[in-house]
Amino acid sequence: MRRYSFAYILLAGMVMAVAVTACRVSYTLSGASISPLAKTVSIAYIPNNASMVAPILSSTLRDALQDRFMRQTRLSIASQGGDLDFEGEITNYTTSPAAISGEEYAIRNKLTITVRMRFTNSIEPKLNYDKSFSSFQEYDANSLLQSVEPVLIPQIVDMLVEDIFNAAVSNW
């Protein structure tokens, strides 16, 4: 009877060990779930195809996305054809009234940036996507857009990168 119990426990332990190693997914403290087979990420230049263009936006967005992957994953940056691959374009860059006063003039404006991203996961193609992400920040209507862009663009880009990153690697 003792041998049967020992053999049963040993067999159950081996089955558990095989199950755990066979179904392995890598998790990070950022909440990202990336296949251990993925080694590289590539992020193509993101052209600004919006009707209104901010010169720093394309490079700021790409640099922030690359930085996010370097800081929060074990992936290496590849110039092109990474296991995880991003390409996209800035499709909208607009300012509009956000709050109107009693005299019907804007007291707050809103800068909105929209980016269309195509994500290709060569390891797990079911996670691929092609979608738009949009974020905004408000600013005082008495301020010129050009004077607040250096502050607003990085804030909006941070929100966009958070959304793009999570859509790609936080497949909960």
C-alpha atoms as a PDB file:
ATOM      1  CA  MET A   1       0.000   0.000   0.000  1.00  0.00           C
ATOM      2  CA  ARG A   2       2.865   2.347   0.782  1.00  0.00           C
ATOM      3  CA  ARG A   3       4.469   1.752  -2.621  1.00  0.00           C
ATOM      4  CA  TYR A   4       1.235   2.589  -4.381  1.00  0.00           C
ATOM      5  CA  SER A   5       0.989   5.940  -2.548  1.00  0.00           C
ATOM      6  CA  PHE A   6       4.621   6.792  -3.262  1.00  0.00           C
ATOM      7  CA  ALA A   7       4.292   5.838  -6.956  1.00  0.00           C
ATOM      8  CA  TYR A   8       1.066   7.831  -7.246  1.00  0.00           C
ATOM      9  CA  ILE A   9       2.666  10.929  -5.713  1.00  0.00           C
ATOM     10  CA  LEU A  10       5.742  10.571  -7.925  1.00  0.00           C
ATOM     11  CA  LEU A  11       3.610  10.203 -11.068  1.00  0.00           C
ATOM     12  CA  ALA A  12       1.436  13.191 -10.128  1.00  0.00           C
ATOM     13  CA  GLY A  13       4.556  15.290  -9.525  1.00  0.00           C
ATOM     14  CA  MET A  14       6.021  14.383 -12.918  1.00  0.00           C
ATOM     15  CA  VAL A  15       2.741  15.204 -14.692  1.00  0.00           C
ATOM     16  CA  MET A  16       2.637  18.604 -12.953  1.00  0.00           C
ATOM     17  CA  ALA A  17       6.271  19.317 -13.874  1.00  0.00           C
ATOM     18  CA  VAL A  18       5.621  18.516 -17.536  1.00  0.00           C
ATOM     19  CA  ALA A  19       2.444  20.622 -17.567  1.00  0.00           C
ATOM     20  CA  VAL A  20       4.188  23.617 -16.023  1.00  0.00           C
ATOM     21  CA  THR A  21       7.146  23.536 -18.415  1.00  0.00           C
ATOM     22  CA  ALA A  22       5.047  22.839 -21.509  1.00  0.00           C
ATOM     23  CA  CYS A  23       2.700  25.801 -21.012  1.00  0.00           C
ATOM     24  CA  ARG A  24       5.206  28.508 -20.206  1.00  0.00           C
ATOM     25  CA  VAL A  25       4.504  32.183 -20.729  1.00  0.00           C
ATOM     26  CA  SER A  26       6.800  34.943 -19.582  1.00  0.00           C
ATOM     27  CA  TYR A  27       5.361  37.578 -17.243  1.00  0.00           C
ATOM     28  CA  THR A  28       6.991  40.804 -16.160  1.00  0.00           C
ATOM     29  CA  LEU A  29       6.270  43.253 -13.363  1.00  0.00           C
ATOM     30  CA  SER A  30       4.742  45.599 -15.942  1.00  0.00           C
ATOM     31  CA  GLY A  31       1.889  43.146 -16.508  1.00  0.00           C
ATOM     32  CA  ALA A  32       3.243  42.181 -19.908  1.00  0.00           C
ATOM     33  CA  SER A  33       2.802  38.619 -21.057  1.00  0.00           C
ATOM     34  CA  ILE A  34       5.294  37.872 -23.816  1.00  0.00           C
ATOM     35  CA  SER A  35       6.149  34.479 -25.259  1.00  0.00           C
ATOM     36  CA  PRO A  36       9.623  33.347 -24.181  1.00  0.00           C
ATOM     37  CA  LEU A  37      10.287  32.633 -27.879  1.00  0.00           C
ATOM     38  CA  ALA A  38      10.090  36.364 -28.686  1.00  0.00           C
ATOM     39  CA  LYS A  39      13.532  37.956 -28.620  1.00  0.00           C
ATOM     40  CA  THR A  40      13.219  41.215 -30.583  1.00  0.00           C
ATOM     41  CA  VAL A  41      10.872  44.127 -31.187  1.00  0.00           C
ATOM     42  CA  SER A  42      11.024  46.501 -34.148  1.00  0.00           C
ATOM     43  CA  ILE A  43       9.307  49.871 -34.341  1.00  0.00           C
ATOM     44  CA  ALA A  44       9.264  51.544 -37.743  1.00  0.00           C
ATOM     45  CA  TYR A  45       9.345  55.307 -38.273  1.00  0.00           C
ATOM     46  CA  ILE A  46       5.857  56.685 -37.589  1.00  0.00           C
ATOM     47  CA  PRO A  47       5.052  59.337 -40.210  1.00  0.00           C
ATOM     48  CA  ASN A  48       2.802  62.254 -39.359  1.00  0.00           C
ATOM     49  CA  ASN A  49      -0.020  62.171 -41.914  1.00  0.00           C
ATOM     50  CA  ALA A  50      -2.320  64.491 -39.974  1.00  0.00           C
ATOM     51  CA  SER A  51      -3.444  67.738 -41.589  1.00  0.00           C
ATOM     52  CA  MET A  52      -1.710  69.702 -38.814  1.00  0.00           C
ATOM     53  CA  VAL A  53       1.883  68.601 -38.086  1.00  0.00           C
ATOM     54  CA  ALA A  54       4.048  68.991 -34.990  1.00  0.00           C
ATOM     55  CA  PRO A  55       7.695  68.455 -36.006  1.00  0.00           C
ATOM     56  CA  ILE A  56       8.707  66.606 -32.800  1.00  0.00           C
ATOM     57  CA  LEU A  57       5.751  64.225 -32.664  1.00  0.00           C
ATOM     58  CA  SER A  58       6.922  61.357 -34.908  1.00  0.00           C
ATOM     59  CA  SER A  59      10.304  60.952 -33.256  1.00  0.00           C
ATOM     60  CA  THR A  60       8.904  61.502 -29.740  1.00  0.00           C
ATOM     61  CA  LEU A  61       6.320  58.740 -30.215  1.00  0.00           C
ATOM     62  CA  ARG A  62       8.755  56.214 -31.711  1.00  0.00           C
ATOM     63  CA  ASP A  63      11.443  56.925 -29.110  1.00  0.00           C
ATOM     64  CA  ALA A  64       8.935  56.594 -26.252  1.00  0.00           C
ATOM     65  CA  LEU A  65       7.629  53.264 -27.569  1.00  0.00           C
ATOM     66  CA  GLN A  66      11.156  51.885 -27.982  1.00  0.00           C
ATOM     67  CA  ASP A  67      12.083  53.122 -24.509  1.00  0.00           C
ATOM     68  CA  ARG A  68       9.038  51.412 -23.010  1.00  0.00           C
ATOM     69  CA  PHE A  69      10.026  48.053 -24.507  1.00  0.00           C
ATOM     70  CA  MET A  70      13.664  48.441 -23.458  1.00  0.00           C
ATOM     71  CA  ARG A  71      12.724  49.354 -19.851  1.00  0.00           C
ATOM     72  CA  GLN A  72       9.878  46.911 -19.261  1.00  0.00           C
ATOM     73  CA  THR A  73      10.705  43.810 -21.288  1.00  0.00           C
ATOM     74  CA  ARG A  74      13.715  41.631 -22.011  1.00  0.00           C
ATOM     75  CA  LEU A  75      13.333  42.184 -25.770  1.00  0.00           C
ATOM     76  CA  SER A  76      16.121  43.665 -27.894  1.00  0.00           C
ATOM     77  CA  ILE A  77      15.380  46.438 -30.362  1.00  0.00           C
ATOM     78  CA  ALA A  78      15.734  45.357 -34.013  1.00  0.00           C
ATOM     79  CA  SER A  79      15.847  47.834 -36.888  1.00  0.00           C
ATOM     80  CA  GLN A  80      13.187  45.835 -38.757  1.00  0.00           C
ATOM     81  CA  GLY A  81      11.480  42.446 -38.820  1.00  0.00           C
ATOM     82  CA  GLY A  82      11.389  41.878 -35.060  1.00  0.00           C
ATOM     83  CA  ASP A  83       9.434  39.032 -33.488  1.00  0.00           C
ATOM     84  CA  LEU A  84       7.096  41.829 -32.395  1.00  0.00           C
ATOM     85  CA  ASP A  85       6.781  44.480 -35.095  1.00  0.00           C
ATOM     86  CA  PHE A  86       5.066  47.880 -35.009  1.00  0.00           C
ATOM     87  CA  GLU A  87       4.343  50.233 -37.850  1.00  0.00           C
ATOM     88  CA  GLY A  88       1.864  53.043 -37.993  1.00  0.00           C
ATOM     89  CA  GLU A  89       1.055  56.638 -38.713  1.00  0.00           C
ATOM     90  CA  ILE A  90      -0.196  59.720 -36.933  1.00  0.00           C
ATOM     91  CA  THR A  91      -3.644  60.287 -38.419  1.00  0.00           C
ATOM     92  CA  ASN A  92      -4.995  63.177 -36.362  1.00  0.00           C
ATOM     93  CA  TYR A  93      -3.489  66.144 -34.557  1.00  0.00           C
ATOM     94  CA  THR A  94      -6.158  68.687 -33.678  1.00  0.00           C
ATOM     95  CA  THR A  95      -7.033  71.316 -31.179  1.00  0.00           C
ATOM     96  CA  SER A  96     -10.635  72.066 -30.258  1.00  0.00           C
ATOM     97  CA  PRO A  97     -12.593  73.871 -27.548  1.00  0.00           C
ATOM     98  CA  ALA A  98     -12.953  71.792 -24.387  1.00  0.00           C
ATOM     99  CA  ALA A  99     -14.861  74.188 -22.136  1.00  0.00           C
ATOM    100  CA  ILE A 100     -17.021  77.173 -23.068  1.00  0.00           C
ATOM    101  CA  SER A 101     -17.637  80.143 -20.779  1.00  0.00           C
ATOM    102  CA  GLY A 102     -20.992  81.786 -20.119  1.00  0.00           C
ATOM    103  CA  GLU A 103     -20.140  84.330 -22.819  1.00  0.00           C
ATOM    104  CA  GLU A 104     -19.737  81.443 -25.282  1.00  0.00           C
ATOM    105  CA  TYR A 105     -16.004  81.555 -25.868  1.00  0.00           C
ATOM    106  CA  ALA A 106     -13.486  78.835 -25.131  1.00  0.00           C
ATOM    107  CA  ILE A 107     -11.775  78.935 -21.758  1.00  0.00           C
ATOM    108  CA  ARG A 108     -10.078  75.534 -22.208  1.00  0.00           C
ATOM    109  CA  ASN A 109      -8.837  73.883 -25.381  1.00  0.00           C
ATOM    110  CA  LYS A 110      -8.016  70.261 -26.020  1.00  0.00           C
ATOM    111  CA  LEU A 111      -5.107  68.884 -28.042  1.00  0.00           C
ATOM    112  CA  THR A 112      -5.958  65.430 -29.429  1.00  0.00           C
ATOM    113  CA  ILE A 113      -3.538  63.038 -31.100  1.00  0.00           C
ATOM    114  CA  THR A 114      -4.668  59.874 -32.892  1.00  0.00           C
ATOM    115  CA  VAL A 115      -2.307  57.151 -34.068  1.00  0.00           C
ATOM    116  CA  ARG A 116      -3.123  54.118 -36.205  1.00  0.00           C
ATOM    117  CA  MET A 117      -0.845  51.207 -35.320  1.00  0.00           C
ATOM    118  CA  ARG A 118      -0.353  47.839 -36.966  1.00  0.00           C
ATOM    119  CA  PHE A 119       1.137  45.262 -34.625  1.00  0.00           C
ATOM    120  CA  THR A 120       2.466  41.946 -35.942  1.00  0.00           C
ATOM    121  CA  ASN A 121       3.427  39.175 -33.551  1.00  0.00           C
ATOM    122  CA  SER A 122       5.316  36.540 -35.569  1.00  0.00           C
ATOM    123  CA  ILE A 123       5.300  34.125 -32.609  1.00  0.00           C
ATOM    124  CA  GLU A 124       1.580  34.406 -31.783  1.00  0.00           C
ATOM    125  CA  PRO A 125      -0.249  35.797 -34.859  1.00  0.00           C
ATOM    126  CA  LYS A 126      -3.632  35.699 -33.110  1.00  0.00           C
ATOM    127  CA  LEU A 127      -2.442  38.745 -31.114  1.00  0.00           C
ATOM    128  CA  ASN A 128      -1.900  40.893 -34.247  1.00  0.00           C
ATOM    129  CA  TYR A 129      -3.923  44.097 -34.487  1.00  0.00           C
ATOM    130  CA  ASP A 130      -4.537  47.100 -36.697  1.00  0.00           C
ATOM    131  CA  LYS A 131      -6.269  49.821 -34.715  1.00  0.00           C
ATOM    132  CA  SER A 132      -6.325  53.457 -33.743  1.00  0.00           C
ATOM    133  CA  PHE A 133      -5.384  54.947 -30.393  1.00  0.00           C
ATOM    134  CA  SER A 134      -6.316  58.451 -29.315  1.00  0.00           C
ATOM    135  CA  SER A 135      -5.445  60.610 -26.306  1.00  0.00           C
ATOM    136  CA  PHE A 136      -5.748  64.266 -25.387  1.00  0.00           C
ATOM    137  CA  GLN A 137      -4.756  66.918 -22.886  1.00  0.00           C
ATOM    138  CA  GLU A 138      -6.484  70.185 -22.111  1.00  0.00           C
ATOM    139  CA  TYR A 139      -4.789  73.566 -21.920  1.00  0.00           C
ATOM    140  CA  ASP A 140      -5.758  77.156 -21.177  1.00  0.00           C
ATOM    141  CA  ALA A 141      -7.403  78.817 -24.189  1.00  0.00           C
ATOM    142  CA  ASN A 142      -5.330  81.969 -23.573  1.00  0.00           C
ATOM    143  CA  SER A 143      -2.148  79.977 -24.347  1.00  0.00           C
ATOM    144  CA  LEU A 144      -0.851  79.570 -27.864  1.00  0.00           C
ATOM    145  CA  LEU A 145      -0.686  75.938 -28.984  1.00  0.00           C
ATOM    146  CA  GLN A 146       2.970  76.354 -29.964  1.00  0.00           C
ATOM    147  CA  SER A 147       3.825  77.420 -26.420  1.00  0.00           C
ATOM    148  CA  VAL A 148       2.155  74.402 -24.744  1.00  0.00           C
ATOM    149  CA  GLU A 149       3.126  71.707 -27.276  1.00  0.00           C
ATOM    150  CA  PRO A 150       6.506  70.959 -25.620  1.00  0.00           C
ATOM    151  CA  VAL A 151       4.629  70.015 -22.428  1.00  0.00           C
ATOM    152  CA  LEU A 152       1.452  68.478 -23.881  1.00  0.00           C
ATOM    153  CA  ILE A 153       3.001  66.265 -26.569  1.00  0.00           C
ATOM    154  CA  PRO A 154       5.117  64.167 -24.138  1.00  0.00           C
ATOM    155  CA  GLN A 155       2.093  63.779 -21.816  1.00  0.00           C
ATOM    156  CA  ILE A 156      -0.165  62.622 -24.644  1.00  0.00           C
ATOM    157  CA  VAL A 157       2.559  60.384 -26.084  1.00  0.00           C
ATOM    158  CA  ASP A 158       2.957  58.693 -22.669  1.00  0.00           C
ATOM    159  CA  MET A 159      -0.756  57.831 -22.665  1.00  0.00           C
ATOM    160  CA  LEU A 160      -0.630  56.583 -26.273  1.00  0.00           C
ATOM    161  CA  VAL A 161       2.423  54.419 -25.585  1.00  0.00           C
ATOM    162  CA  GLU A 162       0.699  52.937 -22.526  1.00  0.00           C
ATOM    163  CA  ASP A 163      -2.317  51.971 -24.652  1.00  0.00           C
ATOM    164  CA  ILE A 164      -0.247  50.630 -27.578  1.00  0.00           C
ATOM    165  CA  PHE A 165       2.048  48.626 -25.280  1.00  0.00           C
ATOM    166  CA  ASN A 166      -0.850  47.141 -23.302  1.00  0.00           C
ATOM    167  CA  ALA A 167      -2.774  46.199 -26.445  1.00  0.00           C
ATOM    168  CA  ALA A 168       0.283  44.333 -27.739  1.00  0.00           C
ATOM    169  CA  VAL A 169       1.580  42.502 -24.677  1.00  0.00           C
ATOM    170  CA  SER A 170      -1.053  42.531 -21.945  1.00  0.00           C
ATOM    171  CA  ASN A 171      -3.378  39.938 -23.415  1.00  0.00           C
ATOM    172  CA  TRP A 172      -5.289  39.062 -20.252  1.00  0.00           C
END
